[in-house]
Amino acid sequence: MAYYAEIVHVGVQTEAREGEIVDILVGVKNLYTSTIGILIGGALEYGVTPWPGITFVDTSYNTPAGATHYFSGAFTMPNKEVKVHVYSYYYGVDSGWHFDDEEVRTVKLSALAPEFDALKITDYERR
């Protein structure tokens, strides 16, 4: 349960090819009664342990009360299905960042589209 910073939107495609750049957009809402610093983090899981791999353009923002700030980022699709973990943190009065919310989305590995599906001879010249 989020107390200060709730992730309200995670926009990421559901399939990607290996090596493709996958964009991600994360909306985090300030639930507090005044402006707070919100930090976003992310990791990719394609095994047992989450690994860093999501690069966000901006990682923190001072968000007014009740407002939602959107953080954009991207990662390179590995050679298998991946779970995308995003985390929000708020900046406390103790001058530290505190974990507050988490969301997970899955991006499946898509098969390569065939370059062509049939070959026809439309003309030939006999020699």
N, C-alpha and C. Protein backbone atom coordinates (compact mmCIF):
# COMPACT_ATOMS: atom_id res chain seq x y z
N MET A 1 0.84 -1.19 0.00
CA MET A 1 0.00 0.00 0.00
C MET A 1 0.88 1.25 0.00
N ALA A 2 0.58 2.14 -0.90
CA ALA A 2 1.34 3.40 -0.98
C ALA A 2 0.83 4.38 0.07
N TYR A 3 1.75 5.10 0.68
CA TYR A 3 1.38 6.07 1.69
C TYR A 3 1.54 7.51 1.20
N TYR A 4 2.58 7.76 0.44
CA TYR A 4 2.87 9.11 -0.02
C TYR A 4 2.92 9.22 -1.54
N ALA A 5 3.44 8.19 -2.22
CA ALA A 5 3.64 8.25 -3.67
C ALA A 5 3.12 6.96 -4.31
N GLU A 6 1.99 7.06 -4.99
CA GLU A 6 1.36 5.88 -5.58
C GLU A 6 1.60 5.83 -7.09
N ILE A 7 2.03 4.67 -7.56
CA ILE A 7 2.18 4.47 -9.00
C ILE A 7 0.78 4.27 -9.57
N VAL A 8 0.35 5.19 -10.44
CA VAL A 8 -1.01 5.14 -10.98
C VAL A 8 -1.03 4.78 -12.47
N HIS A 9 0.14 4.72 -13.10
CA HIS A 9 0.19 4.38 -14.52
C HIS A 9 1.54 3.74 -14.86
N VAL A 10 1.49 2.62 -15.57
CA VAL A 10 2.70 2.02 -16.13
C VAL A 10 2.38 1.69 -17.58
N GLY A 11 2.96 2.46 -18.47
CA GLY A 11 2.75 2.24 -19.90
C GLY A 11 3.97 1.59 -20.51
N VAL A 12 3.80 0.34 -20.93
CA VAL A 12 4.88 -0.40 -21.58
C VAL A 12 4.24 -1.41 -22.52
N GLN A 13 4.86 -1.64 -23.65
CA GLN A 13 4.28 -2.59 -24.61
C GLN A 13 4.32 -3.99 -24.03
N THR A 14 3.50 -4.88 -24.56
CA THR A 14 3.38 -6.23 -24.02
C THR A 14 4.30 -7.22 -24.72
N GLU A 15 4.84 -6.86 -25.89
CA GLU A 15 5.75 -7.72 -26.63
C GLU A 15 6.85 -6.90 -27.27
N ALA A 16 8.03 -7.49 -27.41
CA ALA A 16 9.14 -6.83 -28.09
C ALA A 16 10.10 -7.88 -28.62
N ARG A 17 10.85 -7.51 -29.66
CA ARG A 17 11.88 -8.40 -30.20
C ARG A 17 13.19 -8.20 -29.45
N GLU A 18 14.01 -9.23 -29.41
CA GLU A 18 15.32 -9.14 -28.77
C GLU A 18 16.11 -7.98 -29.37
N GLY A 19 16.70 -7.17 -28.50
CA GLY A 19 17.51 -6.04 -28.93
C GLY A 19 16.72 -4.77 -29.19
N GLU A 20 15.38 -4.86 -29.19
CA GLU A 20 14.54 -3.68 -29.43
C GLU A 20 14.56 -2.77 -28.21
N ILE A 21 14.54 -1.47 -28.44
CA ILE A 21 14.43 -0.50 -27.34
C ILE A 21 12.95 -0.42 -26.96
N VAL A 22 12.66 -0.66 -25.70
CA VAL A 22 11.29 -0.65 -25.19
C VAL A 22 11.12 0.59 -24.32
N ASP A 23 10.19 1.45 -24.72
CA ASP A 23 9.90 2.66 -23.94
C ASP A 23 8.94 2.35 -22.80
N ILE A 24 9.08 3.10 -21.72
CA ILE A 24 8.21 2.92 -20.56
C ILE A 24 7.85 4.31 -20.02
N LEU A 25 6.59 4.45 -19.60
CA LEU A 25 6.11 5.70 -19.02
C LEU A 25 5.43 5.35 -17.70
N VAL A 26 5.91 5.97 -16.61
CA VAL A 26 5.38 5.66 -15.27
C VAL A 26 4.84 6.94 -14.66
N GLY A 27 3.56 6.90 -14.25
CA GLY A 27 2.93 8.02 -13.57
C GLY A 27 2.87 7.76 -12.08
N VAL A 28 3.37 8.72 -11.29
CA VAL A 28 3.36 8.59 -9.83
C VAL A 28 2.63 9.79 -9.24
N LYS A 29 1.63 9.49 -8.41
CA LYS A 29 0.80 10.53 -7.81
C LYS A 29 1.24 10.81 -6.38
N ASN A 30 1.32 12.10 -6.05
CA ASN A 30 1.62 12.53 -4.69
C ASN A 30 0.33 12.46 -3.87
N LEU A 31 0.29 11.59 -2.89
CA LEU A 31 -0.87 11.43 -2.02
C LEU A 31 -0.82 12.32 -0.78
N TYR A 32 0.31 13.00 -0.59
CA TYR A 32 0.53 13.80 0.61
C TYR A 32 -0.15 15.17 0.47
N THR A 33 -0.25 15.90 1.55
CA THR A 33 -0.97 17.19 1.57
C THR A 33 -0.11 18.38 1.14
N SER A 34 1.17 18.15 0.86
CA SER A 34 2.03 19.22 0.34
C SER A 34 3.02 18.62 -0.65
N THR A 35 3.84 19.47 -1.25
CA THR A 35 4.82 19.02 -2.23
C THR A 35 5.84 18.08 -1.58
N ILE A 36 6.12 16.98 -2.27
CA ILE A 36 7.16 16.05 -1.81
C ILE A 36 8.04 15.66 -3.00
N GLY A 37 9.26 15.26 -2.68
CA GLY A 37 10.14 14.71 -3.70
C GLY A 37 9.74 13.27 -3.96
N ILE A 38 9.61 12.93 -5.23
CA ILE A 38 9.29 11.56 -5.62
C ILE A 38 10.43 11.05 -6.49
N LEU A 39 10.87 9.83 -6.20
CA LEU A 39 11.95 9.18 -6.93
C LEU A 39 11.39 7.92 -7.58
N ILE A 40 11.81 7.64 -8.80
CA ILE A 40 11.38 6.43 -9.49
C ILE A 40 12.59 5.53 -9.72
N GLY A 41 12.39 4.25 -9.63
CA GLY A 41 13.45 3.28 -9.91
C GLY A 41 12.86 2.11 -10.66
N GLY A 42 13.70 1.33 -11.28
CA GLY A 42 13.20 0.18 -12.02
C GLY A 42 14.25 -0.88 -12.20
N ALA A 43 13.78 -2.11 -12.39
CA ALA A 43 14.67 -3.24 -12.62
C ALA A 43 13.96 -4.23 -13.54
N LEU A 44 14.76 -5.03 -14.22
CA LEU A 44 14.23 -6.08 -15.09
C LEU A 44 14.49 -7.42 -14.44
N GLU A 45 13.51 -8.31 -14.49
CA GLU A 45 13.68 -9.66 -13.96
C GLU A 45 13.47 -10.63 -15.10
N TYR A 46 14.53 -11.36 -15.42
CA TYR A 46 14.40 -12.41 -16.43
C TYR A 46 15.18 -13.64 -15.99
N GLY A 47 15.09 -13.88 -14.72
CA GLY A 47 15.70 -15.02 -14.06
C GLY A 47 15.09 -15.04 -12.68
N VAL A 48 15.90 -15.20 -11.69
CA VAL A 48 15.42 -15.23 -10.32
C VAL A 48 15.52 -13.85 -9.67
N THR A 49 16.55 -13.10 -10.00
CA THR A 49 16.84 -11.83 -9.33
C THR A 49 16.58 -10.66 -10.25
N PRO A 50 15.94 -9.58 -9.78
CA PRO A 50 15.81 -8.38 -10.61
C PRO A 50 17.19 -7.75 -10.85
N TRP A 51 17.41 -7.28 -12.06
CA TRP A 51 18.66 -6.63 -12.45
C TRP A 51 18.35 -5.22 -12.92
N PRO A 52 19.27 -4.28 -12.65
CA PRO A 52 19.07 -2.94 -13.21
C PRO A 52 19.01 -3.04 -14.73
N GLY A 53 18.47 -2.09 -15.37
CA GLY A 53 18.40 -2.14 -16.81
C GLY A 53 17.48 -1.10 -17.40
N ILE A 54 16.64 -0.49 -16.57
CA ILE A 54 15.75 0.57 -17.05
C ILE A 54 16.45 1.90 -16.81
N THR A 55 16.58 2.68 -17.86
CA THR A 55 17.18 4.00 -17.74
C THR A 55 16.09 5.04 -17.85
N PHE A 56 15.90 5.82 -16.79
CA PHE A 56 14.90 6.89 -16.79
C PHE A 56 15.56 8.21 -17.14
N VAL A 57 14.84 9.07 -17.89
CA VAL A 57 15.35 10.37 -18.27
C VAL A 57 15.60 11.22 -17.03
N ASP A 58 14.60 11.36 -16.19
CA ASP A 58 14.71 12.02 -14.89
C ASP A 58 14.29 11.01 -13.85
N THR A 59 15.00 10.98 -12.73
CA THR A 59 14.65 9.98 -11.72
C THR A 59 13.89 10.55 -10.53
N SER A 60 13.94 11.88 -10.35
CA SER A 60 13.20 12.46 -9.22
C SER A 60 12.57 13.78 -9.63
N TYR A 61 11.52 14.12 -8.88
CA TYR A 61 10.78 15.36 -9.18
C TYR A 61 10.04 15.80 -7.93
N ASN A 62 10.05 17.11 -7.65
CA ASN A 62 9.25 17.66 -6.55
C ASN A 62 7.83 17.84 -7.05
N THR A 63 6.93 17.00 -6.56
CA THR A 63 5.57 16.91 -7.08
C THR A 63 4.59 17.57 -6.11
N PRO A 64 3.79 18.52 -6.61
CA PRO A 64 2.79 19.18 -5.75
C PRO A 64 1.75 18.20 -5.22
N ALA A 65 1.11 18.57 -4.12
CA ALA A 65 0.06 17.74 -3.51
C ALA A 65 -1.01 17.38 -4.53
N GLY A 66 -1.36 16.12 -4.60
CA GLY A 66 -2.43 15.64 -5.48
C GLY A 66 -2.05 15.52 -6.95
N ALA A 67 -0.87 15.97 -7.33
CA ALA A 67 -0.47 15.94 -8.74
C ALA A 67 0.19 14.61 -9.09
N THR A 68 0.14 14.28 -10.37
CA THR A 68 0.80 13.10 -10.89
C THR A 68 1.93 13.55 -11.81
N HIS A 69 3.11 13.01 -11.58
CA HIS A 69 4.26 13.30 -12.45
C HIS A 69 4.58 12.04 -13.24
N TYR A 70 4.91 12.23 -14.53
CA TYR A 70 5.23 11.10 -15.40
C TYR A 70 6.73 11.05 -15.66
N PHE A 71 7.28 9.86 -15.46
CA PHE A 71 8.70 9.60 -15.69
C PHE A 71 8.82 8.71 -16.92
N SER A 72 9.69 9.07 -17.84
CA SER A 72 9.87 8.24 -19.03
C SER A 72 11.23 7.57 -18.99
N GLY A 73 11.28 6.37 -19.55
CA GLY A 73 12.52 5.61 -19.58
C GLY A 73 12.49 4.59 -20.69
N ALA A 74 13.51 3.75 -20.72
CA ALA A 74 13.61 2.72 -21.75
C ALA A 74 14.57 1.64 -21.30
N PHE A 75 14.46 0.49 -21.95
CA PHE A 75 15.42 -0.59 -21.75
C PHE A 75 15.54 -1.38 -23.05
N THR A 76 16.58 -2.16 -23.15
CA THR A 76 16.80 -3.01 -24.31
C THR A 76 16.26 -4.40 -23.99
N MET A 77 15.41 -4.89 -24.88
CA MET A 77 14.77 -6.19 -24.65
C MET A 77 15.81 -7.31 -24.70
N PRO A 78 15.86 -8.14 -23.63
CA PRO A 78 16.78 -9.29 -23.64
C PRO A 78 16.21 -10.40 -24.53
N ASN A 79 16.87 -11.54 -24.52
CA ASN A 79 16.46 -12.65 -25.40
C ASN A 79 15.42 -13.57 -24.77
N LYS A 80 14.68 -13.06 -23.80
CA LYS A 80 13.61 -13.85 -23.16
C LYS A 80 12.59 -12.92 -22.54
N GLU A 81 11.44 -13.49 -22.14
CA GLU A 81 10.40 -12.72 -21.46
C GLU A 81 10.99 -12.03 -20.24
N VAL A 82 10.49 -10.84 -19.95
CA VAL A 82 11.03 -10.07 -18.85
C VAL A 82 9.90 -9.47 -18.02
N LYS A 83 10.11 -9.43 -16.71
CA LYS A 83 9.20 -8.72 -15.82
C LYS A 83 9.82 -7.36 -15.54
N VAL A 84 9.02 -6.32 -15.71
CA VAL A 84 9.46 -4.96 -15.49
C VAL A 84 8.96 -4.52 -14.12
N HIS A 85 9.88 -4.27 -13.21
CA HIS A 85 9.54 -3.80 -11.86
C HIS A 85 9.80 -2.30 -11.81
N VAL A 86 8.81 -1.53 -11.37
CA VAL A 86 9.02 -0.10 -11.13
C VAL A 86 8.68 0.20 -9.67
N TYR A 87 9.46 1.09 -9.09
CA TYR A 87 9.34 1.42 -7.67
C TYR A 87 9.23 2.92 -7.50
N SER A 88 8.44 3.36 -6.51
CA SER A 88 8.41 4.79 -6.17
C SER A 88 8.91 4.95 -4.73
N TYR A 89 9.54 6.09 -4.53
CA TYR A 89 10.08 6.47 -3.22
C TYR A 89 9.68 7.92 -2.95
N TYR A 90 9.55 8.28 -1.68
CA TYR A 90 9.31 9.68 -1.32
C TYR A 90 10.48 10.15 -0.46
N TYR A 91 10.71 11.45 -0.50
CA TYR A 91 11.80 12.06 0.26
C TYR A 91 11.26 12.49 1.62
N GLY A 92 11.81 11.91 2.68
CA GLY A 92 11.30 12.16 4.03
C GLY A 92 11.96 13.33 4.74
N VAL A 93 11.39 13.71 5.87
CA VAL A 93 11.94 14.81 6.68
C VAL A 93 13.30 14.46 7.26
N ASP A 94 13.65 13.17 7.24
CA ASP A 94 14.96 12.73 7.73
C ASP A 94 16.04 12.81 6.64
N SER A 95 15.69 13.44 5.50
CA SER A 95 16.61 13.60 4.36
C SER A 95 16.99 12.27 3.72
N GLY A 96 16.07 11.31 3.77
CA GLY A 96 16.30 10.01 3.13
C GLY A 96 15.16 9.63 2.22
N TRP A 97 15.45 8.77 1.24
CA TRP A 97 14.42 8.25 0.34
C TRP A 97 13.82 7.00 0.95
N HIS A 98 12.47 6.90 0.91
CA HIS A 98 11.76 5.77 1.52
C HIS A 98 10.89 5.08 0.47
N PHE A 99 11.02 3.75 0.39
CA PHE A 99 10.22 2.95 -0.52
C PHE A 99 8.74 3.14 -0.21
N ASP A 100 7.92 3.26 -1.27
CA ASP A 100 6.50 3.46 -1.04
C ASP A 100 5.58 2.59 -1.90
N ASP A 101 5.90 2.34 -3.17
CA ASP A 101 4.99 1.58 -4.02
C ASP A 101 5.77 0.82 -5.08
N GLU A 102 5.13 -0.21 -5.64
CA GLU A 102 5.76 -1.05 -6.66
C GLU A 102 4.70 -1.58 -7.61
N GLU A 103 5.05 -1.67 -8.87
CA GLU A 103 4.19 -2.29 -9.89
C GLU A 103 5.06 -3.18 -10.76
N VAL A 104 4.45 -4.23 -11.31
CA VAL A 104 5.16 -5.17 -12.18
C VAL A 104 4.35 -5.38 -13.44
N ARG A 105 5.04 -5.36 -14.58
CA ARG A 105 4.42 -5.66 -15.87
C ARG A 105 5.31 -6.67 -16.59
N THR A 106 4.71 -7.47 -17.47
CA THR A 106 5.46 -8.47 -18.23
C THR A 106 5.53 -8.05 -19.69
N VAL A 107 6.73 -8.18 -20.26
CA VAL A 107 6.92 -7.96 -21.69
C VAL A 107 7.41 -9.28 -22.27
N LYS A 108 6.63 -9.84 -23.19
CA LYS A 108 6.97 -11.12 -23.81
C LYS A 108 7.89 -10.91 -24.99
N LEU A 109 8.71 -11.91 -25.24
CA LEU A 109 9.60 -11.90 -26.39
C LEU A 109 8.78 -12.26 -27.61
N SER A 110 8.78 -11.40 -28.62
CA SER A 110 8.01 -11.70 -29.83
C SER A 110 8.91 -12.35 -30.86
N ALA A 111 8.29 -13.19 -31.66
CA ALA A 111 9.03 -13.87 -32.73
C ALA A 111 9.33 -12.89 -33.84
N LEU A 112 10.39 -13.16 -34.56
CA LEU A 112 10.72 -12.31 -35.70
C LEU A 112 9.68 -12.50 -36.79
N ALA A 113 9.25 -11.41 -37.37
CA ALA A 113 8.31 -11.48 -38.48
C ALA A 113 9.07 -11.95 -39.71
N PRO A 114 8.47 -12.83 -40.49
CA PRO A 114 9.16 -13.30 -41.69
C PRO A 114 9.34 -12.16 -42.69
N GLU A 115 10.48 -12.18 -43.39
CA GLU A 115 10.75 -11.17 -44.40
C GLU A 115 9.81 -11.33 -45.59
N PHE A 116 9.49 -12.57 -45.93
CA PHE A 116 8.55 -12.86 -47.01
C PHE A 116 7.93 -14.20 -46.72
N ASP A 117 6.78 -14.46 -47.32
CA ASP A 117 6.13 -15.73 -47.04
C ASP A 117 5.95 -16.60 -48.28
N ALA A 118 6.29 -16.09 -49.46
CA ALA A 118 6.18 -16.90 -50.66
C ALA A 118 7.13 -16.34 -51.72
N LEU A 119 7.57 -17.21 -52.58
CA LEU A 119 8.44 -16.81 -53.67
C LEU A 119 7.76 -17.21 -54.96
N LYS A 120 7.57 -16.24 -55.83
CA LYS A 120 6.94 -16.52 -57.12
C LYS A 120 7.89 -16.11 -58.23
N ILE A 121 7.90 -16.90 -59.28
CA ILE A 121 8.64 -16.50 -60.48
C ILE A 121 7.63 -15.86 -61.41
N THR A 122 7.79 -14.60 -61.63
CA THR A 122 6.83 -13.88 -62.48
C THR A 122 7.30 -13.72 -63.92
N ASP A 123 8.60 -13.87 -64.14
CA ASP A 123 9.13 -13.74 -65.49
C ASP A 123 10.50 -14.38 -65.50
N TYR A 124 10.83 -14.97 -66.62
CA TYR A 124 12.18 -15.50 -66.76
C TYR A 124 12.58 -15.43 -68.23
N GLU A 125 13.86 -15.50 -68.43
CA GLU A 125 14.39 -15.45 -69.79
C GLU A 125 15.21 -16.69 -70.01
N ARG A 126 14.89 -17.41 -71.07
CA ARG A 126 15.61 -18.65 -71.37
C ARG A 126 16.84 -18.31 -72.19
N ARG A 127 17.97 -18.93 -71.83
CA ARG A 127 19.22 -18.68 -72.55
C ARG A 127 19.75 -19.92 -73.16
